[in-house]
Amino acid sequence: MTQRTSILFFVLILASLTTAAQYQPGPAPEGFDRLQSGISRGRIDTISYPSKTVGTTRTALVYTPPGYSETKKYPVLYLLHGIGGDELEWLRNGHPELIMDNLYANKKAEPMIIVLPNGRAMKNDRATGNIMAADKVQAFARFEDDLLKDLIPYVQQHYSTYQDREHRAVAGLSMGGGQSLNFGLGNLDTFAWVGGFSSAPNTKQPSELIPEVETTRNQLKLLWISCGTEDNLMPITTRTVDYLNQHKIPHVFLKEPGGHDFKVWKNDLYYFSQLVFKDQGKP
């Protein structure tokens, strides 16, 4: 896909957000997730923030884009992991820092801060033992309070960020995809951009996700839903998409080849990150 074709493609996609949109852009270009020479690079920091929700100090990673400056303000994407991961899962397996550095080198994404938290909000938040244990599953739900009341305020205090909903996004894979839909759609006063990649069964029923259809239509900048065609969790995605179509709620639906793995999720991040924090028709 040439740069000119890519720009036209995203103009058409963003313009289509007044209706439901399923599209097939295909796989990201060769090398999109590899270290490229001769380009500027962002930075990954490890932060420790006090969590009143959990009653301990918690760890997250923060990616700042190339040329990050305290004299500018940046939008923030909170990018969530799956049930078997932690704050390092995306970094180890998805390399969002490389994906974003390469996008910036080609002027395809808005400069943004990306926060990689641990979505398991409990004192021992490591992905060890029985990761499906009831207390660990419940900790993923509890993360909503940790995110809203502890992590977001910390990031706003320590980084040069916008502090309005129009400059804040949440997205994630699998369990993190369910969290993103639950927390994002449940807190439209906090998030205007929401993405669920291969969302897991923790995803609420559609009528619970979107109890006020008109409010959701008016407040969302982007609702992204995606899943691999060979993923056993496709019924969760289909259930949500069917509801969105039925109620004419604008969204983007990417149904892509693949299973429940990072080949799919990296592709999702590549395309999702080119849509967030952009006005319709201005990629």
C-alpha atoms as a PDB file:
ATOM      1  CA  MET A   1       0.000   0.000   0.000  1.00  0.00           C
ATOM      2  CA  THR A   2       1.591   3.278  -1.117  1.00  0.00           C
ATOM      3  CA  GLN A   3       1.501   6.317   1.157  1.00  0.00           C
ATOM      4  CA  ARG A   4      -0.982   8.061  -1.163  1.00  0.00           C
ATOM      5  CA  THR A   5      -3.231   4.989  -1.256  1.00  0.00           C
ATOM      6  CA  SER A   6      -2.942   4.649   2.519  1.00  0.00           C
ATOM      7  CA  ILE A   7      -4.036   8.266   3.067  1.00  0.00           C
ATOM      8  CA  LEU A   8      -7.025   7.832   0.763  1.00  0.00           C
ATOM      9  CA  PHE A   9      -7.934   4.586   2.503  1.00  0.00           C
ATOM     10  CA  PHE A  10      -8.033   6.195   5.944  1.00  0.00           C
ATOM     11  CA  VAL A  11     -10.012   9.182   4.654  1.00  0.00           C
ATOM     12  CA  LEU A  12     -12.660   6.766   3.421  1.00  0.00           C
ATOM     13  CA  ILE A  13     -12.631   4.728   6.630  1.00  0.00           C
ATOM     14  CA  LEU A  14     -12.948   7.742   8.893  1.00  0.00           C
ATOM     15  CA  ALA A  15     -15.678   9.238   6.728  1.00  0.00           C
ATOM     16  CA  SER A  16     -17.601   5.957   7.052  1.00  0.00           C
ATOM     17  CA  LEU A  17     -17.821   6.214  10.835  1.00  0.00           C
ATOM     18  CA  THR A  18     -21.308   7.683  10.567  1.00  0.00           C
ATOM     19  CA  THR A  19     -22.361   4.096   9.787  1.00  0.00           C
ATOM     20  CA  ALA A  20     -21.168   0.620  10.650  1.00  0.00           C
ATOM     21  CA  ALA A  21     -18.008  -0.291   8.750  1.00  0.00           C
ATOM     22  CA  GLN A  22     -16.408  -3.655   8.105  1.00  0.00           C
ATOM     23  CA  TYR A  23     -13.248  -3.459   6.056  1.00  0.00           C
ATOM     24  CA  GLN A  24     -10.328  -5.618   5.040  1.00  0.00           C
ATOM     25  CA  PRO A  25      -7.112  -3.593   4.739  1.00  0.00           C
ATOM     26  CA  GLY A  26      -5.030  -6.759   4.717  1.00  0.00           C
ATOM     27  CA  PRO A  27      -1.862  -7.410   6.689  1.00  0.00           C
ATOM     28  CA  ALA A  28       0.377  -4.573   7.761  1.00  0.00           C
ATOM     29  CA  PRO A  29       3.330  -3.982   5.408  1.00  0.00           C
ATOM     30  CA  GLU A  30       6.497  -6.017   5.675  1.00  0.00           C
ATOM     31  CA  GLY A  31       8.768  -4.785   8.466  1.00  0.00           C
ATOM     32  CA  PHE A  32       6.115  -2.711  10.247  1.00  0.00           C
ATOM     33  CA  ASP A  33       7.073  -4.300  13.590  1.00  0.00           C
ATOM     34  CA  ARG A  34      10.839  -4.518  13.116  1.00  0.00           C
ATOM     35  CA  LEU A  35      13.640  -2.234  14.211  1.00  0.00           C
ATOM     36  CA  GLN A  36      14.403   0.183  11.376  1.00  0.00           C
ATOM     37  CA  SER A  37      17.681   2.031  11.051  1.00  0.00           C
ATOM     38  CA  GLY A  38      18.001   5.755  10.530  1.00  0.00           C
ATOM     39  CA  ILE A  39      14.770   6.809  12.238  1.00  0.00           C
ATOM     40  CA  SER A  40      14.015   8.555  15.518  1.00  0.00           C
ATOM     41  CA  ARG A  41      12.919   6.344  18.381  1.00  0.00           C
ATOM     42  CA  GLY A  42      10.652   6.762  21.343  1.00  0.00           C
ATOM     43  CA  ARG A  43      11.422   5.766  24.887  1.00  0.00           C
ATOM     44  CA  ILE A  44      10.067   3.151  27.309  1.00  0.00           C
ATOM     45  CA  ASP A  45       9.991   4.057  31.003  1.00  0.00           C
ATOM     46  CA  THR A  46       8.976   1.917  33.964  1.00  0.00           C
ATOM     47  CA  ILE A  47       6.825   3.794  36.452  1.00  0.00           C
ATOM     48  CA  SER A  48       5.648   2.941  39.955  1.00  0.00           C
ATOM     49  CA  TYR A  49       2.395   4.533  41.038  1.00  0.00           C
ATOM     50  CA  PRO A  50       0.510   4.410  44.346  1.00  0.00           C
ATOM     51  CA  SER A  51      -2.764   2.510  44.032  1.00  0.00           C
ATOM     52  CA  LYS A  52      -5.371   3.254  46.675  1.00  0.00           C
ATOM     53  CA  THR A  53      -7.595   0.721  44.923  1.00  0.00           C
ATOM     54  CA  VAL A  54      -5.181  -2.149  45.569  1.00  0.00           C
ATOM     55  CA  GLY A  55      -3.426  -0.713  48.614  1.00  0.00           C
ATOM     56  CA  THR A  56       0.065  -1.029  47.200  1.00  0.00           C
ATOM     57  CA  THR A  57       2.492   0.461  44.695  1.00  0.00           C
ATOM     58  CA  ARG A  58       1.969  -0.867  41.193  1.00  0.00           C
ATOM     59  CA  THR A  59       4.124  -0.947  38.061  1.00  0.00           C
ATOM     60  CA  ALA A  60       3.378   0.108  34.496  1.00  0.00           C
ATOM     61  CA  LEU A  61       5.361   0.932  31.358  1.00  0.00           C
ATOM     62  CA  VAL A  62       5.088   4.231  29.515  1.00  0.00           C
ATOM     63  CA  TYR A  63       6.097   4.766  25.893  1.00  0.00           C
ATOM     64  CA  THR A  64       6.808   8.367  24.902  1.00  0.00           C
ATOM     65  CA  PRO A  65       7.108   9.148  21.174  1.00  0.00           C
ATOM     66  CA  PRO A  66      10.223  10.376  19.387  1.00  0.00           C
ATOM     67  CA  GLY A  67      10.873  14.006  20.219  1.00  0.00           C
ATOM     68  CA  TYR A  68       8.704  13.958  23.338  1.00  0.00           C
ATOM     69  CA  SER A  69       8.783  17.390  24.948  1.00  0.00           C
ATOM     70  CA  GLU A  70       7.375  18.759  28.185  1.00  0.00           C
ATOM     71  CA  THR A  71       6.479  21.912  26.264  1.00  0.00           C
ATOM     72  CA  LYS A  72       3.841  20.043  24.241  1.00  0.00           C
ATOM     73  CA  LYS A  73       0.772  18.075  25.300  1.00  0.00           C
ATOM     74  CA  TYR A  74       0.040  14.555  24.109  1.00  0.00           C
ATOM     75  CA  PRO A  75      -2.983  12.274  23.922  1.00  0.00           C
ATOM     76  CA  VAL A  76      -2.746   8.966  25.773  1.00  0.00           C
ATOM     77  CA  LEU A  77      -3.591   5.401  24.769  1.00  0.00           C
ATOM     78  CA  TYR A  78      -3.947   2.853  27.572  1.00  0.00           C
ATOM     79  CA  LEU A  79      -3.051  -0.513  25.985  1.00  0.00           C
ATOM     80  CA  LEU A  80      -4.129  -3.597  27.943  1.00  0.00           C
ATOM     81  CA  HIS A  81      -2.830  -7.186  27.983  1.00  0.00           C
ATOM     82  CA  GLY A  82      -4.473 -10.618  28.158  1.00  0.00           C
ATOM     83  CA  ILE A  83      -5.314 -12.923  31.045  1.00  0.00           C
ATOM     84  CA  GLY A  84      -1.933 -14.658  30.991  1.00  0.00           C
ATOM     85  CA  GLY A  85       0.118 -11.490  30.705  1.00  0.00           C
ATOM     86  CA  ASP A  86       1.174  -8.429  32.650  1.00  0.00           C
ATOM     87  CA  GLU A  87       2.563  -4.980  31.894  1.00  0.00           C
ATOM     88  CA  LEU A  88       5.382  -6.589  29.880  1.00  0.00           C
ATOM     89  CA  GLU A  89       3.242  -8.748  27.562  1.00  0.00           C
ATOM     90  CA  TRP A  90       2.816  -6.211  24.771  1.00  0.00           C
ATOM     91  CA  LEU A  91       6.469  -5.183  24.963  1.00  0.00           C
ATOM     92  CA  ARG A  92       7.757  -8.762  24.801  1.00  0.00           C
ATOM     93  CA  ASN A  93       5.428 -10.050  22.109  1.00  0.00           C
ATOM     94  CA  GLY A  94       3.931  -7.105  20.262  1.00  0.00           C
ATOM     95  CA  HIS A  95       6.670  -4.443  20.278  1.00  0.00           C
ATOM     96  CA  PRO A  96       4.350  -1.422  20.184  1.00  0.00           C
ATOM     97  CA  GLU A  97       7.393   0.823  20.484  1.00  0.00           C
ATOM     98  CA  LEU A  98       8.732  -0.433  17.131  1.00  0.00           C
ATOM     99  CA  ILE A  99       5.322  -0.284  15.460  1.00  0.00           C
ATOM    100  CA  MET A 100       4.832   3.298  16.589  1.00  0.00           C
ATOM    101  CA  ASP A 101       8.378   4.457  15.807  1.00  0.00           C
ATOM    102  CA  ASN A 102       7.966   3.148  12.253  1.00  0.00           C
ATOM    103  CA  LEU A 103       4.557   4.790  11.869  1.00  0.00           C
ATOM    104  CA  TYR A 104       5.950   8.123  13.038  1.00  0.00           C
ATOM    105  CA  ALA A 105       8.850   7.845  10.613  1.00  0.00           C
ATOM    106  CA  ASN A 106       6.251   7.592   7.828  1.00  0.00           C
ATOM    107  CA  LYS A 107       4.009  10.314   9.347  1.00  0.00           C
ATOM    108  CA  LYS A 108       1.088   7.915   9.679  1.00  0.00           C
ATOM    109  CA  ALA A 109       0.098   8.402  13.329  1.00  0.00           C
ATOM    110  CA  GLU A 110      -0.495  11.226  15.754  1.00  0.00           C
ATOM    111  CA  PRO A 111       2.240  11.483  18.436  1.00  0.00           C
ATOM    112  CA  MET A 112       0.857   9.849  21.555  1.00  0.00           C
ATOM    113  CA  ILE A 113       1.892   8.447  24.899  1.00  0.00           C
ATOM    114  CA  ILE A 114       1.114   4.746  25.330  1.00  0.00           C
ATOM    115  CA  VAL A 115       0.672   3.330  28.817  1.00  0.00           C
ATOM    116  CA  LEU A 116       1.085  -0.423  29.328  1.00  0.00           C
ATOM    117  CA  PRO A 117      -0.393  -1.254  32.743  1.00  0.00           C
ATOM    118  CA  ASN A 118      -0.926  -4.476  34.654  1.00  0.00           C
ATOM    119  CA  GLY A 119      -4.660  -5.100  34.367  1.00  0.00           C
ATOM    120  CA  ARG A 120      -4.705  -7.600  37.236  1.00  0.00           C
ATOM    121  CA  ALA A 121      -5.464  -5.249  40.132  1.00  0.00           C
ATOM    122  CA  MET A 122      -4.365  -7.237  43.185  1.00  0.00           C
ATOM    123  CA  LYS A 123      -1.371  -7.150  45.503  1.00  0.00           C
ATOM    124  CA  ASN A 124       0.252 -10.188  43.924  1.00  0.00           C
ATOM    125  CA  ASP A 125      -0.441  -9.233  40.339  1.00  0.00           C
ATOM    126  CA  ARG A 126       1.940 -11.706  38.691  1.00  0.00           C
ATOM    127  CA  ALA A 127       0.582 -14.131  36.081  1.00  0.00           C
ATOM    128  CA  THR A 128       1.537 -17.213  38.075  1.00  0.00           C
ATOM    129  CA  GLY A 129      -0.328 -20.244  39.377  1.00  0.00           C
ATOM    130  CA  ASN A 130      -3.917 -20.661  38.263  1.00  0.00           C
ATOM    131  CA  ILE A 131      -4.468 -17.554  36.138  1.00  0.00           C
ATOM    132  CA  MET A 132      -8.161 -18.460  35.904  1.00  0.00           C
ATOM    133  CA  ALA A 133      -8.666 -18.425  39.691  1.00  0.00           C
ATOM    134  CA  ALA A 134     -11.714 -16.439  40.794  1.00  0.00           C
ATOM    135  CA  ASP A 135      -9.723 -13.815  42.683  1.00  0.00           C
ATOM    136  CA  LYS A 136      -7.471 -13.191  39.677  1.00  0.00           C
ATOM    137  CA  VAL A 137     -10.391 -12.891  37.290  1.00  0.00           C
ATOM    138  CA  GLN A 138     -12.090 -10.501  39.706  1.00  0.00           C
ATOM    139  CA  ALA A 139      -8.885  -8.448  39.813  1.00  0.00           C
ATOM    140  CA  PHE A 140      -9.307  -7.680  36.111  1.00  0.00           C
ATOM    141  CA  ALA A 141     -12.706  -6.144  36.872  1.00  0.00           C
ATOM    142  CA  ARG A 142     -11.247  -4.242  39.837  1.00  0.00           C
ATOM    143  CA  PHE A 143      -8.710  -2.684  37.502  1.00  0.00           C
ATOM    144  CA  GLU A 144     -11.401  -0.268  36.342  1.00  0.00           C
ATOM    145  CA  ASP A 145     -11.079   1.641  39.626  1.00  0.00           C
ATOM    146  CA  ASP A 146      -7.286   1.395  39.609  1.00  0.00           C
ATOM    147  CA  LEU A 147      -7.185   2.768  36.073  1.00  0.00           C
ATOM    148  CA  LEU A 148      -9.629   5.620  36.618  1.00  0.00           C
ATOM    149  CA  LYS A 149      -8.713   6.669  40.152  1.00  0.00           C
ATOM    150  CA  ASP A 150      -5.001   5.863  40.413  1.00  0.00           C
ATOM    151  CA  LEU A 151      -3.160   5.313  37.134  1.00  0.00           C
ATOM    152  CA  ILE A 152      -4.701   8.008  34.923  1.00  0.00           C
ATOM    153  CA  PRO A 153      -4.215  10.731  37.572  1.00  0.00           C
ATOM    154  CA  TYR A 154      -0.592   9.632  38.050  1.00  0.00           C
ATOM    155  CA  VAL A 155       0.136   9.763  34.312  1.00  0.00           C
ATOM    156  CA  GLN A 156      -1.480  13.190  34.047  1.00  0.00           C
ATOM    157  CA  GLN A 157       0.620  14.471  36.925  1.00  0.00           C
ATOM    158  CA  HIS A 158       3.941  13.122  35.655  1.00  0.00           C
ATOM    159  CA  TYR A 159       3.660  13.448  31.862  1.00  0.00           C
ATOM    160  CA  SER A 160       2.671  16.284  29.577  1.00  0.00           C
ATOM    161  CA  THR A 161      -0.785  15.075  28.591  1.00  0.00           C
ATOM    162  CA  TYR A 162      -4.113  16.474  27.566  1.00  0.00           C
ATOM    163  CA  GLN A 163      -6.636  15.773  30.289  1.00  0.00           C
ATOM    164  CA  ASP A 164      -9.917  15.630  28.381  1.00  0.00           C
ATOM    165  CA  ARG A 165     -11.776  12.584  27.066  1.00  0.00           C
ATOM    166  CA  GLU A 166     -11.174  13.535  23.431  1.00  0.00           C
ATOM    167  CA  HIS A 167      -7.467  12.860  23.950  1.00  0.00           C
ATOM    168  CA  ARG A 168      -7.748   9.566  25.818  1.00  0.00           C
ATOM    169  CA  ALA A 169      -8.113   6.049  24.372  1.00  0.00           C
ATOM    170  CA  VAL A 170      -8.264   2.529  25.757  1.00  0.00           C
ATOM    171  CA  ALA A 171      -7.669  -0.676  23.800  1.00  0.00           C
ATOM    172  CA  GLY A 172      -6.506  -4.184  24.541  1.00  0.00           C
ATOM    173  CA  LEU A 173      -6.271  -7.817  23.531  1.00  0.00           C
ATOM    174  CA  SER A 174      -8.378 -10.751  24.749  1.00  0.00           C
ATOM    175  CA  MET A 175      -9.083 -10.150  28.469  1.00  0.00           C
ATOM    176  CA  GLY A 176      -7.762  -6.622  27.905  1.00  0.00           C
ATOM    177  CA  GLY A 177     -10.108  -6.255  24.949  1.00  0.00           C
ATOM    178  CA  GLY A 178     -13.048  -7.069  27.184  1.00  0.00           C
ATOM    179  CA  GLN A 179     -11.751  -4.630  29.782  1.00  0.00           C
ATOM    180  CA  SER A 180     -11.382  -1.934  27.145  1.00  0.00           C
ATOM    181  CA  LEU A 181     -14.956  -2.326  25.928  1.00  0.00           C
ATOM    182  CA  ASN A 182     -16.321  -2.553  29.473  1.00  0.00           C
ATOM    183  CA  PHE A 183     -14.341   0.369  30.873  1.00  0.00           C
ATOM    184  CA  GLY A 184     -14.305   2.515  27.745  1.00  0.00           C
ATOM    185  CA  LEU A 185     -17.989   2.274  26.896  1.00  0.00           C
ATOM    186  CA  GLY A 186     -18.858   2.438  30.580  1.00  0.00           C
ATOM    187  CA  ASN A 187     -16.900   5.667  31.068  1.00  0.00           C
ATOM    188  CA  LEU A 188     -17.497   7.832  28.018  1.00  0.00           C
ATOM    189  CA  ASP A 189     -16.756  10.863  30.164  1.00  0.00           C
ATOM    190  CA  THR A 190     -13.179   9.534  30.322  1.00  0.00           C
ATOM    191  CA  PHE A 191     -12.594   7.802  26.954  1.00  0.00           C
ATOM    192  CA  ALA A 192     -13.622   8.871  23.457  1.00  0.00           C
ATOM    193  CA  TRP A 193     -11.653   6.189  21.585  1.00  0.00           C
ATOM    194  CA  VAL A 194     -12.199   2.485  22.389  1.00  0.00           C
ATOM    195  CA  GLY A 195     -10.748  -0.686  20.853  1.00  0.00           C
ATOM    196  CA  GLY A 196     -11.386  -4.360  21.551  1.00  0.00           C
ATOM    197  CA  PHE A 197      -8.968  -6.827  19.929  1.00  0.00           C
ATOM    198  CA  SER A 198     -10.248 -10.459  20.090  1.00  0.00           C
ATOM    199  CA  SER A 199     -12.259  -9.562  23.173  1.00  0.00           C
ATOM    200  CA  ALA A 200     -12.684 -12.320  25.756  1.00  0.00           C
ATOM    201  CA  PRO A 201     -15.796 -13.599  27.605  1.00  0.00           C
ATOM    202  CA  ASN A 202     -15.302 -10.951  30.283  1.00  0.00           C
ATOM    203  CA  THR A 203     -16.927  -8.599  27.759  1.00  0.00           C
ATOM    204  CA  LYS A 204     -20.308  -7.521  29.066  1.00  0.00           C
ATOM    205  CA  GLN A 205     -23.505  -8.288  27.190  1.00  0.00           C
ATOM    206  CA  PRO A 206     -24.109  -5.624  24.514  1.00  0.00           C
ATOM    207  CA  SER A 207     -27.144  -4.150  26.254  1.00  0.00           C
ATOM    208  CA  GLU A 208     -24.983  -3.666  29.368  1.00  0.00           C
ATOM    209  CA  LEU A 209     -22.083  -2.249  27.362  1.00  0.00           C
ATOM    210  CA  ILE A 210     -24.323   0.272  25.647  1.00  0.00           C
ATOM    211  CA  PRO A 211     -27.446   0.957  27.713  1.00  0.00           C
ATOM    212  CA  GLU A 212     -27.871   4.448  26.229  1.00  0.00           C
ATOM    213  CA  VAL A 213     -27.538   4.144  22.485  1.00  0.00           C
ATOM    214  CA  GLU A 214     -27.926   7.828  21.627  1.00  0.00           C
ATOM    215  CA  THR A 215     -25.355   8.906  24.210  1.00  0.00           C
ATOM    216  CA  THR A 216     -22.882   6.383  22.837  1.00  0.00           C
ATOM    217  CA  ARG A 217     -23.473   7.561  19.276  1.00  0.00           C
ATOM    218  CA  ASN A 218     -22.875  11.170  20.250  1.00  0.00           C
ATOM    219  CA  GLN A 219     -19.812  10.739  22.456  1.00  0.00           C
ATOM    220  CA  LEU A 220     -17.655   8.107  20.772  1.00  0.00           C
ATOM    221  CA  LYS A 221     -14.959   9.252  18.390  1.00  0.00           C
ATOM    222  CA  LEU A 222     -14.086   5.681  17.425  1.00  0.00           C
ATOM    223  CA  LEU A 223     -15.274   2.231  18.429  1.00  0.00           C
ATOM    224  CA  TRP A 224     -12.979  -0.432  17.000  1.00  0.00           C
ATOM    225  CA  ILE A 225     -13.847  -4.146  17.093  1.00  0.00           C
ATOM    226  CA  SER A 226     -11.587  -6.838  15.622  1.00  0.00           C
ATOM    227  CA  CYS A 227     -10.996 -10.578  15.749  1.00  0.00           C
ATOM    228  CA  GLY A 228      -9.245 -13.345  13.833  1.00  0.00           C
ATOM    229  CA  THR A 229     -11.416 -15.599  11.684  1.00  0.00           C
ATOM    230  CA  GLU A 230      -9.931 -18.714  13.295  1.00  0.00           C
ATOM    231  CA  ASP A 231     -10.315 -17.413  16.857  1.00  0.00           C
ATOM    232  CA  ASN A 232     -12.687 -19.394  19.084  1.00  0.00           C
ATOM    233  CA  LEU A 233     -13.679 -16.068  20.677  1.00  0.00           C
ATOM    234  CA  MET A 234     -15.211 -14.759  17.454  1.00  0.00           C
ATOM    235  CA  PRO A 235     -18.764 -15.309  18.854  1.00  0.00           C
ATOM    236  CA  ILE A 236     -18.050 -12.686  21.539  1.00  0.00           C
ATOM    237  CA  THR A 237     -17.076 -10.192  18.860  1.00  0.00           C
ATOM    238  CA  THR A 238     -19.984 -11.145  16.581  1.00  0.00           C
ATOM    239  CA  ARG A 239     -22.451 -10.691  19.446  1.00  0.00           C
ATOM    240  CA  THR A 240     -21.213  -7.146  20.002  1.00  0.00           C
ATOM    241  CA  VAL A 241     -21.046  -6.251  16.310  1.00  0.00           C
ATOM    242  CA  ASP A 242     -24.579  -7.530  15.680  1.00  0.00           C
ATOM    243  CA  TYR A 243     -25.866  -5.244  18.443  1.00  0.00           C
ATOM    244  CA  LEU A 244     -23.961  -2.271  17.054  1.00  0.00           C
ATOM    245  CA  ASN A 245     -25.386  -2.883  13.592  1.00  0.00           C
ATOM    246  CA  GLN A 246     -28.899  -3.353  14.938  1.00  0.00           C
ATOM    247  CA  HIS A 247     -28.770  -0.022  16.760  1.00  0.00           C
ATOM    248  CA  LYS A 248     -26.817   1.805  14.042  1.00  0.00           C
ATOM    249  CA  ILE A 249     -23.924   2.660  16.347  1.00  0.00           C
ATOM    250  CA  PRO A 250     -20.886   3.794  14.307  1.00  0.00           C
ATOM    251  CA  HIS A 251     -17.938   1.423  14.554  1.00  0.00           C
ATOM    252  CA  VAL A 252     -15.119  -0.165  12.612  1.00  0.00           C
ATOM    253  CA  PHE A 253     -15.082  -3.960  12.407  1.00  0.00           C
ATOM    254  CA  LEU A 254     -11.918  -5.714  11.250  1.00  0.00           C
ATOM    255  CA  LYS A 255     -12.442  -9.426  10.620  1.00  0.00           C
ATOM    256  CA  GLU A 256      -8.987 -10.677   9.759  1.00  0.00           C
ATOM    257  CA  PRO A 257      -7.274 -13.981   8.991  1.00  0.00           C
ATOM    258  CA  GLY A 258      -5.673 -15.630  12.007  1.00  0.00           C
ATOM    259  CA  GLY A 259      -6.220 -16.989  15.451  1.00  0.00           C
ATOM    260  CA  HIS A 260      -5.830 -15.765  19.025  1.00  0.00           C
ATOM    261  CA  ASP A 261      -2.268 -14.499  18.798  1.00  0.00           C
ATOM    262  CA  PHE A 262       0.031 -11.536  18.424  1.00  0.00           C
ATOM    263  CA  LYS A 263       0.166 -11.767  14.644  1.00  0.00           C
ATOM    264  CA  VAL A 264      -3.450 -10.583  14.723  1.00  0.00           C
ATOM    265  CA  TRP A 265      -3.021  -8.114  17.602  1.00  0.00           C
ATOM    266  CA  LYS A 266       0.020  -6.402  16.116  1.00  0.00           C
ATOM    267  CA  ASN A 267      -1.937  -5.919  12.911  1.00  0.00           C
ATOM    268  CA  ASP A 268      -4.792  -4.464  14.982  1.00  0.00           C
ATOM    269  CA  LEU A 269      -2.499  -2.013  16.738  1.00  0.00           C
ATOM    270  CA  TYR A 270      -0.937  -0.953  13.433  1.00  0.00           C
ATOM    271  CA  TYR A 271      -4.296   0.103  11.999  1.00  0.00           C
ATOM    272  CA  PHE A 272      -6.022   1.239  15.209  1.00  0.00           C
ATOM    273  CA  SER A 273      -3.164   3.583  16.104  1.00  0.00           C
ATOM    274  CA  GLN A 274      -3.512   5.333  12.737  1.00  0.00           C
ATOM    275  CA  LEU A 275      -7.148   6.181  13.443  1.00  0.00           C
ATOM    276  CA  VAL A 276      -7.065   7.409  17.039  1.00  0.00           C
ATOM    277  CA  PHE A 277      -6.730  11.098  17.874  1.00  0.00           C
ATOM    278  CA  LYS A 278      -7.511  12.170  14.317  1.00  0.00           C
ATOM    279  CA  ASP A 279     -10.481  14.177  13.116  1.00  0.00           C
ATOM    280  CA  GLN A 280     -12.703  12.460  10.602  1.00  0.00           C
ATOM    281  CA  GLY A 281     -11.308  12.889   7.116  1.00  0.00           C
ATOM    282  CA  LYS A 282      -7.942  14.133   8.416  1.00  0.00           C
ATOM    283  CA  PRO A 283      -5.639  11.093   8.756  1.00  0.00           C
END
